[in-house]
Each structure stands twice: as structure tokens, then as C-alpha cells.
Amino acid sequence: MTVTILLTAGAYALVAALLLVILIATRVPLALKALATAATCAMILWTYHSIGELRGLPTDSEPPRHFKMHWARVVEPNLLMKEKGHVFLWLEELDDKNYPSGTPRAYALAYDPELVKKVEVAMGKIQGGDDISGTISDQPTEELDDTAETLAQKAKEGARATGPSSGAVGERYFNFDPSMLTFGEAAAPITPEKDQ
């Protein structure tokens, strides 16, 4: 994988060098020079954002809506070192008939105590030999009945929405509410009817 990254970096260095030759040594119209420069810069930025997928690092993009969970790891926040916690999930997307529709992928989610509780329960079931699937719905799965809990939840959501960006360079966080996530025993794939 390192060779792929080095070859990609070398290829972009070569493209940048060729662009420099075009800009300096030729009499190409100014509009074409500007277009070539903009295209090269756009490709470099696109490569920067997509190289994480190449390296196999956990992605911080949105997990699939329906998946099989293979494993998880919780990294607790460290206040002394000012490190945010993460929940790493190894998931495999499932189609509408519960068949795997992709390769397993590692996902990094921001640390949340509610998410940690759900993941720990699911991990206990996996260690017990069960296959666990998960679903992320568009609406939270639980309604908070207690007024104090409701107010605390709204305050927490408001702080998430209006607070400063907590992502470091290269980290993208989508708006993930752990109450939208449910785990359960994985259903068997739906197989087609056999002809008699």
C-alpha cells in the first residue's frame, strides 16, 4: 500500500512539473493556463481527501444504514492529553435481503456515552457467538419521557450544532445521533424460492 501512495505522490509531482513547463515555456493562451492550473489544484485536493480510503484507515464518513457488525473498539477520551475519544466499528453493509453488499470497512465515530453502551452490549453478544446487525434510522429510536432528560438532550444537541468545530485536520464528522442506531441479532439472508 505504501508503494501505491508513493507512486500517486510521484505522479502528481510529475503533473505539477509538466504544468510548470506549460506555464513558463509555451505560448498557450492565458485562459488555458488558468484552466490547467485550476484542474491540477482540484485534483491535488481531491487526492488529499481520498487518500485515506487508499490507506485503509478508518473512515469518518457516514456508516451504512443497514450493516453487519464484526467488531468494535472504544477509545476513551483523555482529558489530560486533550484527546477526544472515538468508537471504531468494523462494519459490512447489507442489502435489502441481508446479503453482504460490500467489503468490511472500519468507521470512526465520535465518542458518546450512549453509543458506547450500545456498542458494549453488541460486543458482548458477538463474544457469545451471535451475529449482530445494526440499523441507522432517520429518527431517534427512543423518546425521552422525563422533562429534565428532554431538556438535557436538547441542550446537548444545541451545543453540538452551535459549538466550535472539534474536528482536527483530515477529520470530517457528520451529524450522528446515537439514539438513531439499533443493534439486533442478524437475520438470515432472504433466499429465492426454489422451483418444484
Protein backbone atom coordinates (compact mmCIF):
# COMPACT_ATOMS: atom_id res chain seq x y z
CA MET A 1 0.00 0.00 0.00
CA THR A 2 2.90 2.37 0.72
CA VAL A 3 4.16 1.86 -2.84
CA THR A 4 0.74 2.95 -4.15
CA ILE A 5 0.85 6.11 -2.06
CA LEU A 6 4.41 6.92 -3.19
CA LEU A 7 3.53 6.31 -6.85
CA THR A 8 0.47 8.56 -6.54
CA ALA A 9 2.54 11.33 -4.94
CA GLY A 10 5.20 10.94 -7.65
CA ALA A 11 2.58 11.08 -10.40
CA TYR A 12 1.21 14.36 -9.05
CA ALA A 13 4.72 15.79 -8.76
CA LEU A 14 5.24 14.92 -12.44
CA VAL A 15 1.93 16.53 -13.41
CA ALA A 16 2.85 19.68 -11.46
CA ALA A 17 6.26 19.78 -13.20
CA LEU A 18 4.61 19.42 -16.62
CA LEU A 19 2.18 22.19 -15.69
CA LEU A 20 5.09 24.43 -14.77
CA VAL A 21 6.67 23.79 -18.19
CA ILE A 22 3.37 24.63 -19.91
CA LEU A 23 3.01 27.84 -17.92
CA ILE A 24 6.56 29.08 -18.48
CA ALA A 25 7.84 27.73 -21.79
CA THR A 26 4.81 27.83 -24.09
CA ARG A 27 2.64 30.50 -25.65
CA VAL A 28 -0.63 28.92 -24.64
CA PRO A 29 -3.48 31.43 -24.09
CA LEU A 30 -3.82 32.73 -20.55
CA ALA A 31 -7.31 31.21 -20.15
CA LEU A 32 -5.95 27.74 -20.94
CA LYS A 33 -3.09 28.23 -18.47
CA ALA A 34 -5.57 29.23 -15.76
CA LEU A 35 -7.77 26.22 -16.55
CA ALA A 36 -4.80 23.82 -16.38
CA THR A 37 -3.70 25.32 -13.04
CA ALA A 38 -7.21 25.09 -11.57
CA ALA A 39 -7.62 21.47 -12.75
CA THR A 40 -4.28 20.46 -11.21
CA CYS A 41 -5.12 22.14 -7.88
CA ALA A 42 -8.55 20.47 -7.84
CA MET A 43 -7.02 17.04 -8.48
CA ILE A 44 -4.48 17.54 -5.69
CA LEU A 45 -7.25 18.46 -3.23
CA TRP A 46 -9.39 15.51 -4.38
CA THR A 47 -6.43 13.16 -3.89
CA TYR A 48 -5.77 14.60 -0.42
CA HIS A 49 -9.35 13.82 0.64
CA SER A 50 -9.48 10.36 -0.94
CA ILE A 51 -6.02 9.07 0.04
CA GLY A 52 -7.36 7.98 3.45
CA GLU A 53 -9.57 5.45 1.68
CA LEU A 54 -6.50 4.12 -0.12
CA ARG A 55 -4.53 3.57 3.07
CA GLY A 56 -7.27 1.56 4.73
CA LEU A 57 -7.58 3.90 7.70
CA PRO A 58 -10.94 4.09 9.46
CA THR A 59 -13.22 6.41 7.58
CA ASP A 60 -15.03 9.22 9.31
CA SER A 61 -17.78 9.25 6.70
CA GLU A 62 -21.32 8.12 7.43
CA PRO A 63 -21.71 4.38 8.12
CA PRO A 64 -24.14 2.33 6.02
CA ARG A 65 -27.82 2.37 7.01
CA HIS A 66 -28.01 -1.44 7.41
CA PHE A 67 -24.93 -3.45 8.31
CA LYS A 68 -23.42 -6.49 10.00
CA MET A 69 -21.08 -5.60 12.86
CA HIS A 70 -17.89 -7.65 13.01
CA TRP A 71 -16.09 -5.92 15.88
CA ALA A 72 -15.68 -2.63 17.72
CA ARG A 73 -13.13 -0.78 19.82
CA VAL A 74 -13.81 2.09 22.19
CA VAL A 75 -11.05 4.64 22.81
CA GLU A 76 -11.93 6.67 25.89
CA PRO A 77 -11.29 10.45 25.87
CA ASN A 78 -8.09 11.52 27.63
CA LEU A 79 -8.65 14.95 29.19
CA LEU A 80 -5.04 15.30 30.35
CA MET A 81 -3.71 14.82 26.82
CA LYS A 82 -6.70 16.71 25.32
CA GLU A 83 -7.51 13.73 23.12
CA LYS A 84 -11.06 13.13 22.01
CA GLY A 85 -12.42 9.65 22.30
CA HIS A 86 -13.52 7.54 19.35
CA VAL A 87 -15.66 4.49 18.75
CA PHE A 88 -14.28 2.33 15.95
CA LEU A 89 -16.73 -0.04 14.29
CA TRP A 90 -15.87 -2.73 11.73
CA LEU A 91 -19.00 -2.99 9.60
CA GLU A 92 -20.13 -4.72 6.43
CA GLU A 93 -23.03 -3.19 4.50
CA LEU A 94 -26.06 -5.44 3.98
CA ASP A 95 -28.54 -5.14 1.13
CA ASP A 96 -32.32 -5.31 1.49
CA LYS A 97 -32.18 -9.14 1.53
CA ASN A 98 -29.50 -9.23 4.26
CA TYR A 99 -26.68 -10.26 1.91
CA PRO A 100 -23.30 -8.54 2.29
CA SER A 101 -23.07 -5.91 -0.44
CA GLY A 102 -19.55 -4.66 0.10
CA THR A 103 -16.31 -5.34 1.88
CA PRO A 104 -15.93 -4.82 5.63
CA ARG A 105 -14.85 -1.28 6.45
CA ALA A 106 -13.65 0.45 9.62
CA TYR A 107 -15.66 3.51 10.69
CA ALA A 108 -14.58 6.10 13.27
CA LEU A 109 -17.37 7.77 15.24
CA ALA A 110 -17.02 10.49 17.84
CA TYR A 111 -17.12 9.23 21.44
CA ASP A 112 -20.57 9.36 23.02
CA PRO A 113 -21.53 7.54 26.26
CA GLU A 114 -24.87 6.40 24.80
CA LEU A 115 -23.09 4.95 21.75
CA VAL A 116 -20.53 3.22 23.98
CA LYS A 117 -23.31 1.48 25.97
CA LYS A 118 -24.95 0.18 22.81
CA VAL A 119 -21.63 -0.99 21.35
CA GLU A 120 -20.63 -2.78 24.57
CA VAL A 121 -23.93 -4.70 24.62
CA ALA A 122 -23.48 -5.66 20.96
CA MET A 123 -19.87 -6.74 21.58
CA GLY A 124 -21.00 -8.98 24.44
CA LYS A 125 -23.40 -10.72 22.07
CA ILE A 126 -20.68 -11.11 19.42
CA GLN A 127 -18.36 -12.63 22.01
CA GLY A 128 -21.19 -15.00 22.91
CA GLY A 129 -21.28 -16.24 19.31
CA ASP A 130 -24.21 -14.24 17.93
CA ASP A 131 -24.18 -12.45 14.58
CA ILE A 132 -25.14 -8.81 15.15
CA SER A 133 -26.63 -6.46 12.60
CA GLY A 134 -27.36 -2.79 13.01
CA THR A 135 -29.64 -0.19 11.53
CA ILE A 136 -29.34 3.58 11.49
CA SER A 137 -32.78 5.16 11.18
CA ASP A 138 -33.68 8.70 10.25
CA GLN A 139 -35.41 9.28 13.59
CA PRO A 140 -34.22 8.56 17.15
CA THR A 141 -35.41 5.16 18.37
CA GLU A 142 -36.30 6.21 21.91
CA GLU A 143 -38.48 9.03 23.14
CA LEU A 144 -37.35 10.72 26.34
CA ASP A 145 -40.25 10.94 28.79
CA ASP A 146 -38.68 12.81 31.68
CA THR A 147 -38.68 16.60 31.32
CA ALA A 148 -35.17 17.01 32.76
CA GLU A 149 -33.83 14.38 30.38
CA THR A 150 -35.56 16.07 27.45
CA LEU A 151 -34.06 19.45 28.34
CA ALA A 152 -30.60 17.94 28.81
CA GLN A 153 -30.83 16.20 25.43
CA LYS A 154 -31.92 19.41 23.67
CA ALA A 155 -29.09 21.35 25.33
CA LYS A 156 -26.59 18.69 24.26
CA GLU A 157 -27.87 18.77 20.65
CA GLY A 158 -27.72 22.57 20.64
CA ALA A 159 -24.13 22.52 21.86
CA ARG A 160 -23.22 20.05 19.10
CA ALA A 161 -24.88 22.18 16.44
CA THR A 162 -23.56 25.58 17.56
CA GLY A 163 -20.27 24.64 19.19
CA PRO A 164 -16.91 25.18 17.55
CA SER A 165 -15.67 22.60 15.10
CA SER A 166 -13.97 19.82 17.04
CA GLY A 167 -12.53 18.01 14.04
CA ALA A 168 -8.79 18.04 13.51
CA VAL A 169 -7.17 18.24 10.11
CA GLY A 170 -8.42 15.37 7.98
CA GLU A 171 -11.39 14.62 10.26
CA ARG A 172 -14.91 15.02 8.95
CA TYR A 173 -17.78 14.36 11.30
CA PHE A 174 -21.34 14.02 10.14
CA ASN A 175 -24.26 14.74 12.44
CA PHE A 176 -24.67 11.34 14.10
CA ASP A 177 -27.15 10.84 16.91
CA PRO A 178 -26.52 7.53 18.76
CA SER A 179 -30.24 7.18 19.50
CA MET A 180 -30.78 6.52 15.77
CA LEU A 181 -28.63 3.36 16.00
CA THR A 182 -30.10 -0.01 16.93
CA PHE A 183 -28.36 -3.37 17.17
CA GLY A 184 -30.04 -6.75 16.98
CA GLU A 185 -29.44 -10.35 16.05
CA ALA A 186 -28.62 -10.62 12.35
CA ALA A 187 -31.44 -12.02 10.25
CA ALA A 188 -30.73 -14.83 7.79
CA PRO A 189 -30.43 -13.72 4.16
CA ILE A 190 -33.63 -13.98 2.13
CA THR A 191 -33.15 -16.67 -0.50
CA PRO A 192 -35.23 -17.03 -3.65
CA GLU A 193 -37.92 -19.69 -3.87
CA LYS A 194 -36.79 -22.98 -5.42
CA ASP A 195 -38.69 -24.41 -8.37
CA GLN A 196 -40.50 -27.64 -7.55
